[in-house]
Amino acid sequence: MGSKKKRTNVVYSTNPDFNYDNEELAQDTLPISEQKLYVSIDRKRRKGKSVTLIEGYVGELEDLKELSKHLKKSCGVGGSAKDSEIVVQGEFKDKVAKILIAMGYNAIKKGGD
């Protein structure tokens, strides 16, 4: 059995063969052509500031951060990447969608415009 500090999100298991070490399953990154990303503008919970939100990424956190870095650099702004989504500061929905499509991603714009 693993250490108690490594047991996240498991309160109690009645399975005597339960292995706490197998709890974290790393999700392999899908190939670029199989990724289906949704690009939208989000203004909620952001104190009136608009951000471009890229959702639906399937893969490892490191690959998500690399894509985020490329998009932020292309737009010349900051942002973040976590929980299978990328946040780019500012309204860059069209520009981000074009960049993603040029890279080979299946990018779909959500929302008006």
N, C-alpha and C. Protein backbone atom coordinates (compact mmCIF):
# COMPACT_ATOMS: atom_id res chain seq x y z
N MET A 1 0.84 -1.18 0.00
CA MET A 1 0.00 0.00 0.00
C MET A 1 0.88 1.24 0.00
N GLY A 2 0.38 2.31 -0.67
CA GLY A 2 1.12 3.55 -0.74
C GLY A 2 1.00 4.36 0.53
N SER A 3 1.78 5.36 0.62
CA SER A 3 1.75 6.23 1.79
C SER A 3 0.44 7.01 1.83
N LYS A 4 0.00 7.39 3.01
CA LYS A 4 -1.27 8.11 3.16
C LYS A 4 -1.22 9.47 2.47
N LYS A 5 -0.04 10.07 2.40
CA LYS A 5 0.07 11.39 1.77
C LYS A 5 -0.21 11.32 0.27
N LYS A 6 0.04 10.17 -0.34
CA LYS A 6 -0.18 10.02 -1.78
C LYS A 6 -1.61 9.63 -2.12
N ARG A 7 -2.42 9.34 -1.13
CA ARG A 7 -3.80 8.90 -1.35
C ARG A 7 -4.70 10.11 -1.53
N THR A 8 -4.84 10.57 -2.74
CA THR A 8 -5.71 11.71 -2.98
C THR A 8 -7.03 11.23 -3.57
N ASN A 9 -8.11 11.88 -3.21
CA ASN A 9 -9.44 11.62 -3.71
C ASN A 9 -9.98 10.24 -3.37
N VAL A 10 -9.37 9.53 -2.43
CA VAL A 10 -9.88 8.24 -2.00
C VAL A 10 -10.15 8.34 -0.50
N VAL A 11 -11.40 8.22 -0.13
CA VAL A 11 -11.75 8.30 1.28
C VAL A 11 -11.63 6.93 1.93
N TYR A 12 -12.22 5.92 1.26
CA TYR A 12 -12.22 4.59 1.83
C TYR A 12 -12.50 3.59 0.72
N SER A 13 -11.82 2.47 0.72
CA SER A 13 -12.07 1.44 -0.27
C SER A 13 -12.28 0.11 0.45
N THR A 14 -13.36 -0.60 0.09
CA THR A 14 -13.63 -1.91 0.67
C THR A 14 -12.93 -3.01 -0.11
N ASN A 15 -12.34 -2.68 -1.23
CA ASN A 15 -11.63 -3.65 -2.06
C ASN A 15 -10.27 -3.94 -1.42
N PRO A 16 -10.03 -5.19 -0.96
CA PRO A 16 -8.75 -5.50 -0.32
C PRO A 16 -7.58 -5.45 -1.31
N ASP A 17 -7.85 -5.56 -2.61
CA ASP A 17 -6.78 -5.53 -3.61
C ASP A 17 -6.58 -4.14 -4.20
N PHE A 18 -7.26 -3.14 -3.67
CA PHE A 18 -7.16 -1.78 -4.20
C PHE A 18 -5.74 -1.27 -4.03
N ASN A 19 -5.18 -0.73 -5.10
CA ASN A 19 -3.82 -0.21 -5.07
C ASN A 19 -3.88 1.31 -5.23
N TYR A 20 -3.49 2.02 -4.22
CA TYR A 20 -3.54 3.49 -4.26
C TYR A 20 -2.59 4.07 -5.30
N ASP A 21 -1.53 3.36 -5.64
CA ASP A 21 -0.57 3.86 -6.61
C ASP A 21 -1.15 3.94 -8.02
N ASN A 22 -2.13 3.11 -8.33
CA ASN A 22 -2.74 3.11 -9.66
C ASN A 22 -3.83 4.16 -9.80
N GLU A 23 -4.08 4.92 -8.76
CA GLU A 23 -5.16 5.91 -8.77
C GLU A 23 -4.93 6.98 -9.83
N GLU A 24 -3.69 7.44 -9.97
CA GLU A 24 -3.40 8.49 -10.94
C GLU A 24 -3.03 7.85 -12.27
N LEU A 25 -3.93 7.96 -13.23
CA LEU A 25 -3.67 7.43 -14.55
C LEU A 25 -3.39 8.61 -15.48
N ALA A 26 -2.18 8.69 -15.98
CA ALA A 26 -1.82 9.77 -16.88
C ALA A 26 -2.48 9.52 -18.23
N GLN A 27 -3.12 10.54 -18.75
CA GLN A 27 -3.80 10.40 -20.03
C GLN A 27 -2.83 10.78 -21.13
N ASP A 28 -2.64 9.87 -22.08
CA ASP A 28 -1.74 10.13 -23.19
C ASP A 28 -2.31 11.23 -24.07
N THR A 29 -1.42 12.00 -24.66
CA THR A 29 -1.84 13.09 -25.52
C THR A 29 -2.32 12.54 -26.86
N LEU A 30 -3.51 12.95 -27.26
CA LEU A 30 -4.04 12.55 -28.56
C LEU A 30 -3.23 13.22 -29.66
N PRO A 31 -3.13 12.59 -30.84
CA PRO A 31 -2.47 13.24 -31.96
C PRO A 31 -3.18 14.55 -32.31
N ILE A 32 -2.45 15.49 -32.87
CA ILE A 32 -2.99 16.81 -33.18
C ILE A 32 -4.25 16.72 -34.03
N SER A 33 -4.25 15.83 -35.02
CA SER A 33 -5.39 15.73 -35.94
C SER A 33 -6.65 15.20 -35.25
N GLU A 34 -6.51 14.53 -34.09
CA GLU A 34 -7.65 13.98 -33.37
C GLU A 34 -8.16 14.90 -32.26
N GLN A 35 -7.43 15.96 -31.96
CA GLN A 35 -7.83 16.91 -30.93
C GLN A 35 -9.00 17.74 -31.44
N LYS A 36 -10.02 17.93 -30.61
CA LYS A 36 -11.17 18.77 -30.95
C LYS A 36 -11.23 19.87 -29.91
N LEU A 37 -10.77 21.06 -30.29
CA LEU A 37 -10.66 22.17 -29.35
C LEU A 37 -11.76 23.21 -29.63
N TYR A 38 -12.34 23.72 -28.56
CA TYR A 38 -13.38 24.74 -28.65
C TYR A 38 -12.81 26.07 -28.20
N VAL A 39 -12.93 27.09 -29.05
CA VAL A 39 -12.39 28.42 -28.77
C VAL A 39 -13.55 29.38 -28.54
N SER A 40 -13.52 30.09 -27.41
CA SER A 40 -14.60 31.03 -27.10
C SER A 40 -14.06 32.20 -26.29
N ILE A 41 -14.89 33.22 -26.15
CA ILE A 41 -14.58 34.37 -25.31
C ILE A 41 -15.34 34.19 -24.00
N ASP A 42 -14.65 34.37 -22.88
CA ASP A 42 -15.28 34.21 -21.57
C ASP A 42 -15.12 35.51 -20.78
N ARG A 43 -16.22 35.96 -20.20
CA ARG A 43 -16.19 37.19 -19.39
C ARG A 43 -16.66 36.92 -17.97
N LYS A 44 -17.06 35.71 -17.68
CA LYS A 44 -17.61 35.38 -16.36
C LYS A 44 -16.49 35.17 -15.36
N ARG A 45 -16.73 35.56 -14.13
CA ARG A 45 -15.79 35.37 -13.01
C ARG A 45 -14.41 35.96 -13.30
N ARG A 46 -14.35 37.02 -14.10
CA ARG A 46 -13.05 37.58 -14.47
C ARG A 46 -12.99 39.09 -14.21
N LYS A 47 -13.86 39.57 -13.34
CA LYS A 47 -13.90 40.98 -12.96
C LYS A 47 -14.01 41.91 -14.17
N GLY A 48 -14.83 41.52 -15.14
CA GLY A 48 -15.07 42.36 -16.31
C GLY A 48 -14.05 42.22 -17.42
N LYS A 49 -13.00 41.47 -17.20
CA LYS A 49 -11.95 41.29 -18.22
C LYS A 49 -12.34 40.13 -19.14
N SER A 50 -12.08 40.28 -20.43
CA SER A 50 -12.36 39.23 -21.40
C SER A 50 -11.13 38.36 -21.59
N VAL A 51 -11.36 37.06 -21.74
CA VAL A 51 -10.27 36.13 -22.04
C VAL A 51 -10.72 35.21 -23.16
N THR A 52 -9.75 34.67 -23.88
CA THR A 52 -10.02 33.66 -24.89
C THR A 52 -9.82 32.31 -24.22
N LEU A 53 -10.82 31.46 -24.29
CA LEU A 53 -10.80 30.17 -23.61
C LEU A 53 -10.72 29.06 -24.65
N ILE A 54 -9.74 28.17 -24.50
CA ILE A 54 -9.58 27.02 -25.38
C ILE A 54 -9.84 25.78 -24.53
N GLU A 55 -10.92 25.06 -24.84
CA GLU A 55 -11.33 23.90 -24.03
C GLU A 55 -11.26 22.62 -24.86
N GLY A 56 -11.17 21.49 -24.16
CA GLY A 56 -11.28 20.19 -24.80
C GLY A 56 -9.97 19.49 -25.08
N TYR A 57 -8.86 20.02 -24.59
CA TYR A 57 -7.57 19.39 -24.85
C TYR A 57 -7.49 18.06 -24.12
N VAL A 58 -7.06 17.02 -24.83
CA VAL A 58 -6.91 15.70 -24.23
C VAL A 58 -5.43 15.34 -24.27
N GLY A 59 -4.81 15.27 -23.09
CA GLY A 59 -3.40 14.91 -23.07
C GLY A 59 -2.71 15.30 -21.79
N GLU A 60 -1.40 15.19 -21.83
CA GLU A 60 -0.57 15.46 -20.66
C GLU A 60 -0.46 16.96 -20.41
N LEU A 61 -0.26 17.30 -19.16
CA LEU A 61 -0.17 18.71 -18.76
C LEU A 61 1.00 19.42 -19.44
N GLU A 62 2.12 18.73 -19.59
CA GLU A 62 3.29 19.36 -20.23
C GLU A 62 3.00 19.76 -21.67
N ASP A 63 2.28 18.91 -22.41
CA ASP A 63 1.92 19.23 -23.80
C ASP A 63 0.93 20.39 -23.84
N LEU A 64 0.00 20.42 -22.89
CA LEU A 64 -0.95 21.51 -22.79
C LEU A 64 -0.22 22.83 -22.54
N LYS A 65 0.76 22.80 -21.65
CA LYS A 65 1.53 24.01 -21.34
C LYS A 65 2.34 24.48 -22.54
N GLU A 66 2.87 23.54 -23.34
CA GLU A 66 3.62 23.92 -24.54
C GLU A 66 2.72 24.63 -25.55
N LEU A 67 1.52 24.08 -25.75
CA LEU A 67 0.57 24.71 -26.67
C LEU A 67 0.16 26.08 -26.15
N SER A 68 -0.08 26.18 -24.84
CA SER A 68 -0.44 27.45 -24.22
C SER A 68 0.65 28.49 -24.44
N LYS A 69 1.88 28.09 -24.23
CA LYS A 69 3.02 28.99 -24.40
C LYS A 69 3.08 29.52 -25.84
N HIS A 70 2.86 28.63 -26.80
CA HIS A 70 2.89 29.04 -28.21
C HIS A 70 1.78 30.04 -28.53
N LEU A 71 0.57 29.76 -28.02
CA LEU A 71 -0.56 30.66 -28.30
C LEU A 71 -0.38 32.02 -27.64
N LYS A 72 0.09 32.02 -26.39
CA LYS A 72 0.30 33.29 -25.67
C LYS A 72 1.38 34.12 -26.35
N LYS A 73 2.43 33.46 -26.81
CA LYS A 73 3.52 34.17 -27.49
C LYS A 73 3.03 34.74 -28.82
N SER A 74 2.21 33.98 -29.54
CA SER A 74 1.68 34.43 -30.82
C SER A 74 0.77 35.64 -30.67
N CYS A 75 0.05 35.70 -29.55
CA CYS A 75 -0.87 36.82 -29.31
C CYS A 75 -0.19 37.96 -28.53
N GLY A 76 0.97 37.70 -27.97
CA GLY A 76 1.69 38.74 -27.23
C GLY A 76 1.07 39.07 -25.89
N VAL A 77 0.43 38.08 -25.26
CA VAL A 77 -0.24 38.31 -23.98
C VAL A 77 0.07 37.16 -23.01
N GLY A 78 -0.45 37.29 -21.80
CA GLY A 78 -0.28 36.24 -20.79
C GLY A 78 -1.47 35.32 -20.77
N GLY A 79 -1.46 34.42 -19.80
CA GLY A 79 -2.56 33.48 -19.65
C GLY A 79 -2.15 32.32 -18.78
N SER A 80 -2.89 31.22 -18.86
CA SER A 80 -2.59 30.05 -18.04
C SER A 80 -3.08 28.79 -18.73
N ALA A 81 -2.64 27.64 -18.20
CA ALA A 81 -3.07 26.34 -18.73
C ALA A 81 -3.23 25.37 -17.58
N LYS A 82 -4.46 24.84 -17.42
CA LYS A 82 -4.70 23.81 -16.41
C LYS A 82 -6.06 23.17 -16.67
N ASP A 83 -6.26 21.99 -16.14
CA ASP A 83 -7.54 21.28 -16.24
C ASP A 83 -8.05 21.18 -17.67
N SER A 84 -7.19 20.82 -18.61
CA SER A 84 -7.55 20.61 -20.02
C SER A 84 -8.07 21.87 -20.71
N GLU A 85 -7.72 23.05 -20.19
CA GLU A 85 -8.11 24.27 -20.87
C GLU A 85 -7.00 25.31 -20.79
N ILE A 86 -7.00 26.17 -21.81
CA ILE A 86 -6.01 27.24 -21.90
C ILE A 86 -6.75 28.57 -21.84
N VAL A 87 -6.23 29.49 -21.05
CA VAL A 87 -6.79 30.83 -20.95
C VAL A 87 -5.76 31.81 -21.50
N VAL A 88 -6.16 32.57 -22.53
CA VAL A 88 -5.31 33.60 -23.13
C VAL A 88 -5.96 34.94 -22.82
N GLN A 89 -5.22 35.84 -22.20
CA GLN A 89 -5.79 37.13 -21.82
C GLN A 89 -6.14 37.95 -23.06
N GLY A 90 -7.35 38.50 -23.07
CA GLY A 90 -7.80 39.33 -24.18
C GLY A 90 -8.72 38.57 -25.13
N GLU A 91 -9.26 39.29 -26.10
CA GLU A 91 -10.18 38.70 -27.08
C GLU A 91 -9.44 38.37 -28.36
N PHE A 92 -9.05 37.10 -28.50
CA PHE A 92 -8.28 36.64 -29.66
C PHE A 92 -8.90 35.39 -30.27
N LYS A 93 -10.24 35.27 -30.22
CA LYS A 93 -10.90 34.04 -30.67
C LYS A 93 -10.54 33.70 -32.12
N ASP A 94 -10.67 34.67 -33.03
CA ASP A 94 -10.40 34.41 -34.45
C ASP A 94 -8.93 34.07 -34.68
N LYS A 95 -8.04 34.85 -34.06
CA LYS A 95 -6.60 34.64 -34.24
C LYS A 95 -6.18 33.28 -33.69
N VAL A 96 -6.65 32.92 -32.50
CA VAL A 96 -6.29 31.64 -31.89
C VAL A 96 -6.83 30.49 -32.73
N ALA A 97 -8.07 30.60 -33.22
CA ALA A 97 -8.65 29.55 -34.05
C ALA A 97 -7.82 29.35 -35.32
N LYS A 98 -7.40 30.44 -35.95
CA LYS A 98 -6.58 30.34 -37.17
C LYS A 98 -5.24 29.69 -36.87
N ILE A 99 -4.62 30.05 -35.75
CA ILE A 99 -3.33 29.45 -35.37
C ILE A 99 -3.48 27.95 -35.14
N LEU A 100 -4.53 27.56 -34.41
CA LEU A 100 -4.75 26.15 -34.12
C LEU A 100 -5.01 25.35 -35.40
N ILE A 101 -5.82 25.90 -36.30
CA ILE A 101 -6.11 25.22 -37.56
C ILE A 101 -4.83 25.08 -38.40
N ALA A 102 -4.01 26.13 -38.42
CA ALA A 102 -2.75 26.08 -39.15
C ALA A 102 -1.80 25.02 -38.58
N MET A 103 -1.90 24.77 -37.26
CA MET A 103 -1.07 23.75 -36.62
C MET A 103 -1.62 22.35 -36.86
N GLY A 104 -2.85 22.23 -37.36
CA GLY A 104 -3.44 20.93 -37.63
C GLY A 104 -4.51 20.50 -36.66
N TYR A 105 -4.84 21.34 -35.70
CA TYR A 105 -5.89 21.02 -34.73
C TYR A 105 -7.26 21.22 -35.35
N ASN A 106 -8.25 20.52 -34.84
CA ASN A 106 -9.64 20.71 -35.23
C ASN A 106 -10.22 21.74 -34.28
N ALA A 107 -10.16 23.02 -34.65
CA ALA A 107 -10.60 24.11 -33.79
C ALA A 107 -11.99 24.59 -34.19
N ILE A 108 -12.87 24.69 -33.20
CA ILE A 108 -14.24 25.11 -33.45
C ILE A 108 -14.53 26.35 -32.59
N LYS A 109 -15.01 27.40 -33.23
CA LYS A 109 -15.34 28.62 -32.50
C LYS A 109 -16.72 28.49 -31.88
N LYS A 110 -16.82 28.80 -30.59
CA LYS A 110 -18.10 28.77 -29.87
C LYS A 110 -18.56 30.19 -29.62
N GLY A 111 -19.86 30.38 -29.50
CA GLY A 111 -20.38 31.69 -29.17
C GLY A 111 -20.63 32.52 -30.41
N GLY A 112 -21.09 33.74 -30.22
CA GLY A 112 -21.41 34.65 -31.32
C GLY A 112 -20.21 35.00 -32.16
N ASP A 113 -20.46 35.75 -33.23
CA ASP A 113 -19.46 36.20 -34.18
C ASP A 113 -19.09 35.09 -35.12
